[in-house]
């Protein structure tokens, strides 16, 4: 893997992240890392990992595939998370002295995928609380907003609202004992919200707060959309397992203590910290 100094955000980009809850950082990740992820996506589509969502393994057109928590067993993902510079990018945007990796998320939308990714907020799905929690979503293929690149409601990370998690397929029964309000129907009244989206090229990063409301359209383009998102936990993140949260890491898997900083180097390794 060729060595390259990581692309860190400018002061202006950090200010944009803090104000909007999201920032686009072009050319953040070296092409060699991107190529490895594309090869991994091909392998995963044939032999999926243990934490997979797949709308139809036999379909090419219209297939929506995601695979999570690969870093412990896939050297490609581990190198990407810990060596590509995305951890330092997350820490700089969050203003954190260090960041720990929560999980990785490989996302593939084949052309002809009609179903959108519904508007949602990440934080209720995850077993954490804190303001310094974010994702670094890295494009591995070119994508426009019309072809399912991400869109955000600017400033929604500062709403001080915690929305109940729900199933992305619209079916009831995600959880029966979670308290939280319903996500507003942004799509039904887009003009009422400050919606921003980003056309991306391979290696571009979109850094966004776990509290930011976001979504993506279906892929109406002619090419596959591939992205790898890594999720990062900053200085004020605490372990907060609750009904409806992601089961990739549970209390049985970690030494983290509810309500306390998650100092578990095995499950949540440090990806970046202030030198010295």
Protein backbone atom coordinates (compact mmCIF):
# COMPACT_ATOMS: atom_id res chain seq x y z
CA UNK A 1 0.00 0.00 0.00
CA UNK A 2 1.56 3.32 -1.00
CA UNK A 3 2.10 5.73 1.84
CA UNK A 4 0.40 9.11 1.74
CA UNK A 5 -0.19 11.73 4.38
CA UNK A 6 -3.86 11.62 5.39
CA UNK A 7 -6.10 14.37 4.07
CA UNK A 8 -7.25 16.37 7.07
CA UNK A 9 -10.09 18.88 6.97
CA UNK A 10 -9.38 22.58 6.65
CA UNK A 11 -10.53 24.96 9.36
CA UNK A 12 -13.39 25.94 7.05
CA UNK A 13 -14.45 22.30 6.61
CA UNK A 14 -14.38 21.71 10.37
CA UNK A 15 -16.53 24.80 10.87
CA UNK A 16 -18.96 23.52 8.23
CA UNK A 17 -19.20 20.16 9.99
CA UNK A 18 -19.88 21.79 13.33
CA UNK A 19 -22.51 24.14 11.88
CA UNK A 20 -24.22 21.80 9.39
CA UNK A 21 -23.56 18.39 10.95
CA UNK A 22 -22.01 17.24 7.67
CA UNK A 23 -19.09 18.11 5.41
CA UNK A 24 -17.86 16.82 2.04
CA UNK A 25 -14.07 16.26 1.90
CA UNK A 26 -12.96 15.54 -1.70
CA UNK A 27 -10.04 13.19 -2.30
CA UNK A 28 -9.79 12.11 1.32
CA UNK A 29 -8.75 8.48 0.71
CA UNK A 30 -6.05 7.13 -1.58
CA UNK A 31 -7.13 5.20 -4.70
CA UNK A 32 -5.30 2.06 -3.54
CA UNK A 33 -7.61 1.74 -0.53
CA UNK A 34 -10.63 2.35 -2.76
CA UNK A 35 -9.54 -0.41 -5.16
CA UNK A 36 -9.21 -2.86 -2.28
CA UNK A 37 -12.74 -2.05 -1.09
CA UNK A 38 -14.15 -2.57 -4.59
CA UNK A 39 -12.54 -6.01 -4.74
CA UNK A 40 -13.91 -6.75 -1.27
CA UNK A 41 -17.41 -5.74 -2.40
CA UNK A 42 -17.21 -8.25 -5.26
CA UNK A 43 -16.23 -10.99 -2.80
CA UNK A 44 -18.89 -10.05 -0.26
CA UNK A 45 -21.64 -10.15 -2.87
CA UNK A 46 -20.72 -13.78 -3.54
CA UNK A 47 -19.77 -14.88 0.00
CA UNK A 48 -21.38 -12.47 2.49
CA UNK A 49 -20.17 -11.88 6.02
CA UNK A 50 -22.24 -12.59 9.15
CA UNK A 51 -24.03 -9.22 9.43
CA UNK A 52 -25.73 -8.72 6.09
CA UNK A 53 -28.84 -7.07 4.69
CA UNK A 54 -29.61 -8.24 1.17
CA UNK A 55 -32.76 -7.57 -0.84
CA UNK A 56 -32.12 -10.48 -3.18
CA UNK A 57 -28.95 -12.44 -3.74
CA UNK A 58 -30.09 -13.65 -7.17
CA UNK A 59 -30.92 -10.19 -8.53
CA UNK A 60 -28.30 -7.90 -10.01
CA UNK A 61 -30.47 -4.97 -11.08
CA UNK A 62 -32.22 -3.55 -8.06
CA UNK A 63 -30.13 -5.32 -5.44
CA UNK A 64 -29.42 -3.46 -2.19
CA UNK A 65 -26.67 -5.14 -0.18
CA UNK A 66 -24.95 -4.10 3.04
CA UNK A 67 -22.41 -5.91 5.20
CA UNK A 68 -21.25 -4.75 8.62
CA UNK A 69 -18.60 -5.40 11.24
CA UNK A 70 -15.98 -6.86 8.90
CA UNK A 71 -12.86 -5.26 10.41
CA UNK A 72 -12.11 -8.07 12.88
CA UNK A 73 -11.81 -10.69 10.12
CA UNK A 74 -11.12 -8.72 6.92
CA UNK A 75 -7.60 -7.23 6.71
CA UNK A 76 -8.77 -4.90 3.92
CA UNK A 77 -11.34 -3.27 6.18
CA UNK A 78 -9.01 -3.13 9.16
CA UNK A 79 -6.33 -1.37 7.09
CA UNK A 80 -8.91 1.00 5.67
CA UNK A 81 -10.26 1.93 9.10
CA UNK A 82 -6.92 2.30 10.84
CA UNK A 83 -4.49 3.33 8.08
CA UNK A 84 -6.36 5.27 5.38
CA UNK A 85 -6.68 8.47 7.42
CA UNK A 86 -10.45 8.31 8.02
CA UNK A 87 -9.95 8.08 11.80
CA UNK A 88 -7.93 11.30 11.91
CA UNK A 89 -10.53 12.95 9.70
CA UNK A 90 -13.27 11.96 12.16
CA UNK A 91 -11.31 13.17 15.17
CA UNK A 92 -10.55 16.53 13.55
CA UNK A 93 -14.19 17.15 12.64
CA UNK A 94 -15.39 16.11 16.10
CA UNK A 95 -12.68 18.07 17.89
CA UNK A 96 -11.85 14.93 19.88
CA UNK A 97 -8.48 14.01 21.34
CA UNK A 98 -9.05 10.44 20.15
CA UNK A 99 -11.60 8.31 18.33
CA UNK A 100 -12.48 4.65 18.66
CA UNK A 101 -13.90 2.46 15.88
CA UNK A 102 -17.46 1.26 16.42
CA UNK A 103 -18.05 -0.64 13.18
CA UNK A 104 -17.62 -0.61 9.44
CA UNK A 105 -20.49 -0.68 6.96
CA UNK A 106 -20.07 -1.74 3.33
CA UNK A 107 -22.97 -0.46 1.19
CA UNK A 108 -23.75 -1.57 -2.35
CA UNK A 109 -26.67 -0.33 -4.45
CA UNK A 110 -26.94 -1.93 -7.85
CA UNK A 111 -28.40 0.12 -10.73
CA UNK A 112 -32.16 -0.08 -10.85
CA UNK A 113 -32.57 -0.10 -7.07
CA UNK A 114 -35.82 1.78 -6.67
CA UNK A 115 -36.07 1.73 -2.90
CA UNK A 116 -34.60 4.77 -1.13
CA UNK A 117 -32.74 4.73 2.15
CA UNK A 118 -35.38 6.39 4.36
CA UNK A 119 -34.66 9.61 6.23
CA UNK A 120 -33.31 8.67 9.63
CA UNK A 121 -30.89 9.53 12.42
CA UNK A 122 -28.13 7.04 13.31
CA UNK A 123 -27.75 7.61 17.03
CA UNK A 124 -30.93 5.76 18.17
CA UNK A 125 -29.81 2.62 16.32
CA UNK A 126 -26.46 2.49 18.11
CA UNK A 127 -25.68 1.51 21.73
CA UNK A 128 -24.03 4.85 22.57
CA UNK A 129 -24.78 8.37 23.68
CA UNK A 130 -22.68 11.48 23.16
CA UNK A 131 -22.34 14.37 20.77
CA UNK A 132 -18.90 13.39 19.46
CA UNK A 133 -20.03 10.41 17.38
CA UNK A 134 -19.83 10.45 13.59
CA UNK A 135 -19.51 8.46 10.38
CA UNK A 136 -16.95 8.83 7.61
CA UNK A 137 -18.73 7.61 4.47
CA UNK A 138 -16.22 7.09 1.64
CA UNK A 139 -17.36 6.81 -1.96
CA UNK A 140 -15.68 3.99 -3.89
CA UNK A 141 -17.59 4.73 -7.12
CA UNK A 142 -18.82 7.95 -8.67
CA UNK A 143 -22.32 8.86 -7.56
CA UNK A 144 -24.70 11.77 -7.82
CA UNK A 145 -27.55 12.64 -5.48
CA UNK A 146 -29.94 11.39 -8.15
CA UNK A 147 -28.05 8.07 -8.17
CA UNK A 148 -28.27 7.54 -4.39
CA UNK A 149 -25.48 9.66 -2.94
CA UNK A 150 -26.34 10.96 0.53
CA UNK A 151 -28.58 13.89 1.44
CA UNK A 152 -28.84 15.64 4.81
CA UNK A 153 -31.00 18.12 6.66
CA UNK A 154 -28.46 20.77 7.53
CA UNK A 155 -28.35 21.68 11.21
CA UNK A 156 -30.53 18.73 12.27
CA UNK A 157 -27.73 17.51 14.57
CA UNK A 158 -28.51 20.57 16.71
CA UNK A 159 -32.26 19.93 16.98
CA UNK A 160 -31.81 18.19 20.34
CA UNK A 161 -34.28 15.53 19.19
CA UNK A 162 -33.95 11.75 19.49
CA UNK A 163 -36.01 9.83 16.95
CA UNK A 164 -37.26 6.28 17.45
CA UNK A 165 -35.55 3.68 15.24
CA UNK A 166 -37.76 1.98 12.70
CA UNK A 167 -37.44 -0.66 10.02
CA UNK A 168 -36.16 0.61 6.67
CA UNK A 169 -38.69 -1.53 4.82
CA UNK A 170 -41.58 0.23 6.54
CA UNK A 171 -42.74 -2.85 8.37
CA UNK A 172 -43.76 -2.52 12.05
CA UNK A 173 -42.15 -4.42 14.88
CA UNK A 174 -38.61 -3.06 15.01
CA UNK A 175 -39.03 -2.69 18.76
CA UNK A 176 -42.01 -2.29 21.06
CA UNK A 177 -40.40 -0.61 24.05
CA UNK A 178 -38.37 2.27 22.65
CA UNK A 179 -39.40 5.77 23.59
CA UNK A 180 -38.82 8.41 20.96
CA UNK A 181 -40.63 10.57 18.47
CA UNK A 182 -41.18 9.63 14.85
CA UNK A 183 -38.73 10.92 12.24
CA UNK A 184 -40.30 13.81 10.30
CA UNK A 185 -41.36 13.01 6.74
CA UNK A 186 -38.72 15.11 5.01
CA UNK A 187 -39.47 13.69 1.58
CA UNK A 188 -43.12 14.74 1.78
CA UNK A 189 -42.19 18.39 2.39
CA UNK A 190 -38.61 18.92 1.24
CA UNK A 191 -39.10 22.67 0.87
CA UNK A 192 -39.65 22.94 4.63
CA UNK A 193 -36.14 21.66 5.35
CA UNK A 194 -32.62 22.81 4.46
CA UNK A 195 -31.67 19.74 2.43
CA UNK A 196 -28.15 19.39 1.05
CA UNK A 197 -26.66 16.54 -0.97
CA UNK A 198 -23.26 15.74 -2.44
CA UNK A 199 -22.16 14.34 -5.78
CA UNK A 200 -19.03 12.29 -5.10
CA UNK A 201 -16.03 10.73 -6.82
CA UNK A 202 -14.04 7.69 -5.64
CA UNK A 203 -12.04 8.58 -2.53
CA UNK A 204 -14.31 11.45 -1.50
CA UNK A 205 -15.50 11.39 2.11
CA UNK A 206 -18.71 12.65 3.66
CA UNK A 207 -18.28 13.14 7.41
CA UNK A 208 -21.54 13.46 9.33
CA UNK A 209 -22.81 13.53 12.88
CA UNK A 210 -24.71 10.53 14.24
CA UNK A 211 -27.43 13.04 15.17
CA UNK A 212 -27.87 14.40 11.62
CA UNK A 213 -31.04 13.39 9.77
CA UNK A 214 -30.11 11.90 6.40
CA UNK A 215 -31.24 9.58 3.63
CA UNK A 216 -30.53 8.55 0.04
CA UNK A 217 -32.56 7.98 -3.09
CA UNK A 218 -32.67 4.74 -5.03
CA UNK A 219 -30.02 4.13 -7.66
CA UNK A 220 -31.53 5.18 -10.99
CA UNK A 221 -28.11 5.33 -12.62
CA UNK A 222 -26.35 2.83 -14.86
CA UNK A 223 -23.55 1.88 -12.47
CA UNK A 224 -23.15 0.19 -9.11
CA UNK A 225 -22.82 2.48 -6.08
CA UNK A 226 -20.26 1.24 -3.55
CA UNK A 227 -19.30 3.01 -0.33
CA UNK A 228 -17.57 2.05 2.90
CA UNK A 229 -18.66 3.89 6.02
CA UNK A 230 -16.74 3.72 9.29
CA UNK A 231 -18.37 4.84 12.55
CA UNK A 232 -16.30 6.72 15.13
CA UNK A 233 -16.69 7.38 18.86
CA UNK A 234 -15.14 10.55 20.30
CA UNK A 235 -14.28 11.89 23.72
CA UNK A 236 -17.78 12.11 25.22
CA UNK A 237 -19.20 8.83 23.86
CA UNK A 238 -20.57 6.48 26.53
CA UNK A 239 -21.88 2.92 26.31
CA UNK A 240 -25.68 3.00 26.20
CA UNK A 241 -27.29 -0.30 25.17
CA UNK A 242 -31.07 0.07 24.76
CA UNK A 243 -34.05 -1.52 23.01
CA UNK A 244 -33.83 -1.24 19.25
CA UNK A 245 -30.08 -0.73 18.99
CA UNK A 246 -27.74 -2.52 16.61
CA UNK A 247 -26.91 -6.07 17.77
CA UNK A 248 -23.43 -6.32 16.22
CA UNK A 249 -21.95 -5.56 19.65
CA UNK A 250 -23.98 -6.28 22.78
CA UNK A 251 -23.22 -6.16 26.50
CA UNK A 252 -22.14 -9.79 26.29
CA UNK A 253 -19.42 -8.82 23.79
CA UNK A 254 -17.76 -5.93 25.60
CA UNK A 255 -16.24 -4.86 28.90
CA UNK A 256 -17.79 -1.39 28.46
CA UNK A 257 -19.91 -0.22 31.41
CA UNK A 258 -23.29 1.45 30.74
CA UNK A 259 -23.06 5.21 31.20
CA UNK A 260 -19.27 5.24 31.04
CA UNK A 261 -16.67 5.89 28.35
CA UNK A 262 -16.14 2.73 26.31
CA UNK A 263 -12.52 1.89 27.08
CA UNK A 264 -12.57 -1.54 25.40
CA UNK A 265 -9.54 -1.83 23.13
CA UNK A 266 -10.69 -5.18 21.78
CA UNK A 267 -14.16 -4.21 20.56
CA UNK A 268 -13.63 -0.47 20.10
CA UNK A 269 -9.97 0.02 19.10
CA UNK A 270 -8.40 3.46 19.08
CA UNK A 271 -8.12 4.62 15.49
CA UNK A 272 -6.45 7.94 16.16
CA UNK A 273 -5.25 9.91 19.17
CA UNK A 274 -3.36 13.12 19.77
CA UNK A 275 0.36 12.32 19.38
CA UNK A 276 2.05 11.94 22.73
